[in-house]
Amino acid sequence: KEMTANLEDVGVIGDEVNNKIASLLLTFTNIRGEAFEKTLIAANNMAISISGTVPNFEQLRGAALQLGKALQDPAGQLGALSRSGFTFTDSQKKMIKEMVAAGRVIEAQNIILEAANTQFGELTEKIRQTTTGAFAALGNALGSLGETFGKILTPSTTSFINSLTEMIKTL
């Protein structure tokens, strides 16, 4: 949650949406540790690139699934990544395949994540500086404020509603 809150602070995608994407990425058993956060950031940036603006949930989900599959099976998914616009040199492709064969999956993942960063890096911060991005950030901030008020008011609101319910039953 802290990671997705930080992404919301610097970008344009709300923490609730990124929490859903994080849950999706957790289903890929080979994406852990530092690679997990890099993948979430890369999915945000990739979705912005694909959409050309603030992405909707499905665009972000699609980018996350594609990256997740690629990082789950780095050697087997190089073709799919290339069709999506990723560019790998022949030596990078060879290194990825050799690393996976040697059980060095994390190193192979790092090559893919570096390629994602090279191609899509910092788009979330850049779009935040546009009018569209500023409005998206404002909406996210208002949503967070509403959540905060909701946490504060929920106990007293629940108590009030329960008292009102009892009063109506009595009448």
Protein backbone atom coordinates (compact mmCIF):
# COMPACT_ATOMS: atom_id res chain seq x y z
CA LYS A 1 0.00 0.00 0.00
CA GLU A 2 2.88 2.35 0.73
CA MET A 3 4.35 1.62 -2.69
CA THR A 4 1.08 2.37 -4.49
CA ALA A 5 0.52 5.51 -2.40
CA ASN A 6 3.98 6.72 -3.47
CA LEU A 7 3.13 5.99 -7.11
CA GLU A 8 -0.05 8.03 -6.75
CA ASP A 9 1.95 10.92 -5.28
CA VAL A 10 4.33 11.15 -8.26
CA GLY A 11 2.04 9.96 -11.01
CA VAL A 12 -1.51 9.97 -12.32
CA ILE A 13 -2.85 6.54 -11.40
CA GLY A 14 -4.63 6.21 -8.08
CA ASP A 15 -3.46 3.91 -5.34
CA GLU A 16 -6.68 1.87 -5.44
CA VAL A 17 -6.11 1.03 -9.11
CA ASN A 18 -2.44 0.27 -8.51
CA ASN A 19 -3.38 -1.96 -5.56
CA LYS A 20 -5.50 -4.03 -7.96
CA ILE A 21 -2.62 -4.18 -10.43
CA ALA A 22 -0.22 -5.14 -7.62
CA SER A 23 -2.56 -7.99 -6.66
CA LEU A 24 -2.55 -9.15 -10.27
CA LEU A 25 1.26 -9.03 -10.42
CA LEU A 26 1.48 -11.07 -7.22
CA THR A 27 -0.01 -14.01 -9.12
CA PHE A 28 3.25 -14.23 -11.08
CA THR A 29 5.45 -16.27 -8.79
CA ASN A 30 8.76 -15.21 -10.38
CA ILE A 31 8.22 -11.49 -9.74
CA ARG A 32 9.40 -10.69 -6.24
CA GLY A 33 11.43 -8.15 -4.31
CA GLU A 34 12.91 -5.23 -6.18
CA ALA A 35 11.60 -6.58 -9.50
CA PHE A 36 8.03 -6.29 -8.18
CA GLU A 37 8.17 -2.53 -7.62
CA LYS A 38 10.03 -1.97 -10.89
CA THR A 39 7.36 -3.98 -12.70
CA LEU A 40 4.53 -1.93 -11.20
CA ILE A 41 6.27 1.30 -12.19
CA ALA A 42 7.02 -0.05 -15.68
CA ALA A 43 3.38 -1.10 -16.11
CA ASN A 44 2.26 2.45 -15.24
CA ASN A 45 4.70 3.97 -17.71
CA MET A 46 3.93 1.43 -20.44
CA ALA A 47 0.16 1.97 -20.09
CA ILE A 48 0.64 5.72 -20.42
CA SER A 49 2.70 5.17 -23.57
CA ILE A 50 0.08 2.87 -25.07
CA SER A 51 -2.87 5.11 -24.22
CA GLY A 52 -1.13 8.39 -24.99
CA THR A 53 -2.73 9.87 -21.89
CA VAL A 54 -3.86 8.82 -18.43
CA PRO A 55 -4.65 5.13 -18.93
CA ASN A 56 -7.86 3.47 -17.89
CA PHE A 57 -7.87 0.33 -15.77
CA GLU A 58 -7.97 -2.07 -18.72
CA GLN A 59 -4.99 -0.41 -20.40
CA LEU A 60 -3.00 -0.62 -17.17
CA ARG A 61 -4.12 -4.19 -16.60
CA GLY A 62 -3.05 -5.14 -20.14
CA ALA A 63 0.40 -3.60 -19.69
CA ALA A 64 0.82 -5.31 -16.31
CA LEU A 65 -0.22 -8.70 -17.71
CA GLN A 66 2.18 -8.40 -20.60
CA LEU A 67 5.08 -7.45 -18.34
CA GLY A 68 4.08 -10.09 -15.81
CA LYS A 69 4.09 -12.84 -18.44
CA ALA A 70 7.43 -11.63 -19.78
CA LEU A 71 9.04 -11.62 -16.36
CA GLN A 72 7.51 -14.95 -15.42
CA ASP A 73 9.07 -16.52 -18.54
CA PRO A 74 11.75 -14.10 -19.81
CA ALA A 75 13.13 -16.34 -22.54
CA GLY A 76 9.76 -17.50 -23.82
CA GLN A 77 8.11 -14.09 -24.00
CA LEU A 78 10.76 -12.11 -25.88
CA GLY A 79 8.77 -12.35 -29.11
CA ALA A 80 5.62 -11.00 -27.48
CA LEU A 81 7.58 -8.08 -26.03
CA SER A 82 9.16 -7.35 -29.40
CA ARG A 83 5.72 -7.25 -31.03
CA SER A 84 4.74 -4.66 -28.40
CA GLY A 85 7.58 -2.40 -29.35
CA PHE A 86 10.35 -3.53 -27.06
CA THR A 87 13.70 -3.57 -28.79
CA PHE A 88 16.31 -6.09 -27.77
CA THR A 89 19.66 -6.57 -29.42
CA ASP A 90 20.66 -10.06 -30.48
CA SER A 91 23.19 -10.14 -27.64
CA GLN A 92 20.48 -9.17 -25.09
CA LYS A 93 18.20 -11.92 -26.39
CA LYS A 94 21.04 -14.41 -26.15
CA MET A 95 21.96 -13.26 -22.62
CA ILE A 96 18.34 -13.52 -21.45
CA LYS A 97 18.02 -17.06 -22.78
CA GLU A 98 21.37 -18.10 -21.29
CA MET A 99 20.56 -16.57 -17.91
CA VAL A 100 17.19 -18.32 -17.74
CA ALA A 101 18.83 -21.62 -18.71
CA ALA A 102 21.38 -21.11 -15.93
CA GLY A 103 18.64 -20.34 -13.38
CA ARG A 104 19.52 -16.65 -13.20
CA VAL A 105 15.96 -15.48 -13.83
CA ILE A 106 16.32 -12.27 -11.78
CA GLU A 107 19.20 -11.12 -13.96
CA ALA A 108 17.18 -11.86 -17.10
CA GLN A 109 14.25 -9.92 -15.61
CA ASN A 110 16.53 -6.97 -14.96
CA ILE A 111 17.43 -6.77 -18.66
CA ILE A 112 13.74 -6.64 -19.54
CA LEU A 113 12.98 -4.07 -16.84
CA GLU A 114 15.91 -1.92 -17.98
CA ALA A 115 14.52 -2.06 -21.52
CA ALA A 116 11.11 -0.99 -20.19
CA ASN A 117 12.70 1.86 -18.29
CA THR A 118 14.67 2.95 -21.36
CA GLN A 119 11.58 2.91 -23.53
CA PHE A 120 8.89 4.14 -21.13
CA GLY A 121 10.78 5.53 -18.11
CA GLU A 122 9.33 8.45 -16.16
CA LEU A 123 6.22 8.86 -18.33
CA THR A 124 4.06 8.85 -15.21
CA GLU A 125 5.99 11.83 -13.82
CA LYS A 126 5.98 13.61 -17.19
CA ILE A 127 2.25 13.25 -17.79
CA ARG A 128 1.66 14.54 -14.27
CA GLN A 129 3.05 17.88 -15.52
CA THR A 130 0.34 18.18 -18.19
CA THR A 131 -3.15 19.62 -17.68
CA THR A 132 -4.70 16.17 -18.07
CA GLY A 133 -2.23 14.72 -15.58
CA ALA A 134 -2.80 17.55 -13.11
CA PHE A 135 -6.56 16.91 -13.21
CA ALA A 136 -5.99 13.17 -12.70
CA ALA A 137 -3.73 13.92 -9.72
CA LEU A 138 -6.35 16.28 -8.30
CA GLY A 139 -8.99 13.57 -8.61
CA ASN A 140 -6.70 11.10 -6.84
CA ALA A 141 -5.99 13.62 -4.05
CA LEU A 142 -9.72 14.27 -3.58
CA GLY A 143 -10.34 10.52 -3.45
CA SER A 144 -7.68 10.13 -0.76
CA LEU A 145 -9.19 13.01 1.20
CA GLY A 146 -12.59 11.33 1.00
CA GLU A 147 -11.05 8.10 2.30
CA THR A 148 -9.51 9.97 5.23
CA PHE A 149 -12.81 11.63 6.13
CA GLY A 150 -14.55 8.30 5.76
CA LYS A 151 -12.19 6.68 8.27
CA ILE A 152 -12.78 9.50 10.73
CA LEU A 153 -16.55 9.66 10.33
CA THR A 154 -17.37 5.97 9.99
CA PRO A 155 -17.60 5.14 13.73
CA SER A 156 -19.90 8.05 14.57
CA THR A 157 -21.93 7.64 11.37
CA THR A 158 -22.44 3.94 12.07
CA SER A 159 -23.49 4.69 15.63
CA PHE A 160 -25.91 7.38 14.45
CA ILE A 161 -27.46 5.10 11.79
CA ASN A 162 -27.85 2.26 14.31
CA SER A 163 -29.52 4.62 16.80
CA LEU A 164 -31.81 5.95 14.07
CA THR A 165 -32.69 2.38 13.05
CA GLU A 166 -33.61 1.49 16.65
CA MET A 167 -35.68 4.65 16.99
CA ILE A 168 -37.60 3.81 13.79
CA LYS A 169 -38.20 0.24 15.01
CA THR A 170 -39.53 1.63 18.28
CA LEU A 171 -41.92 3.97 16.46
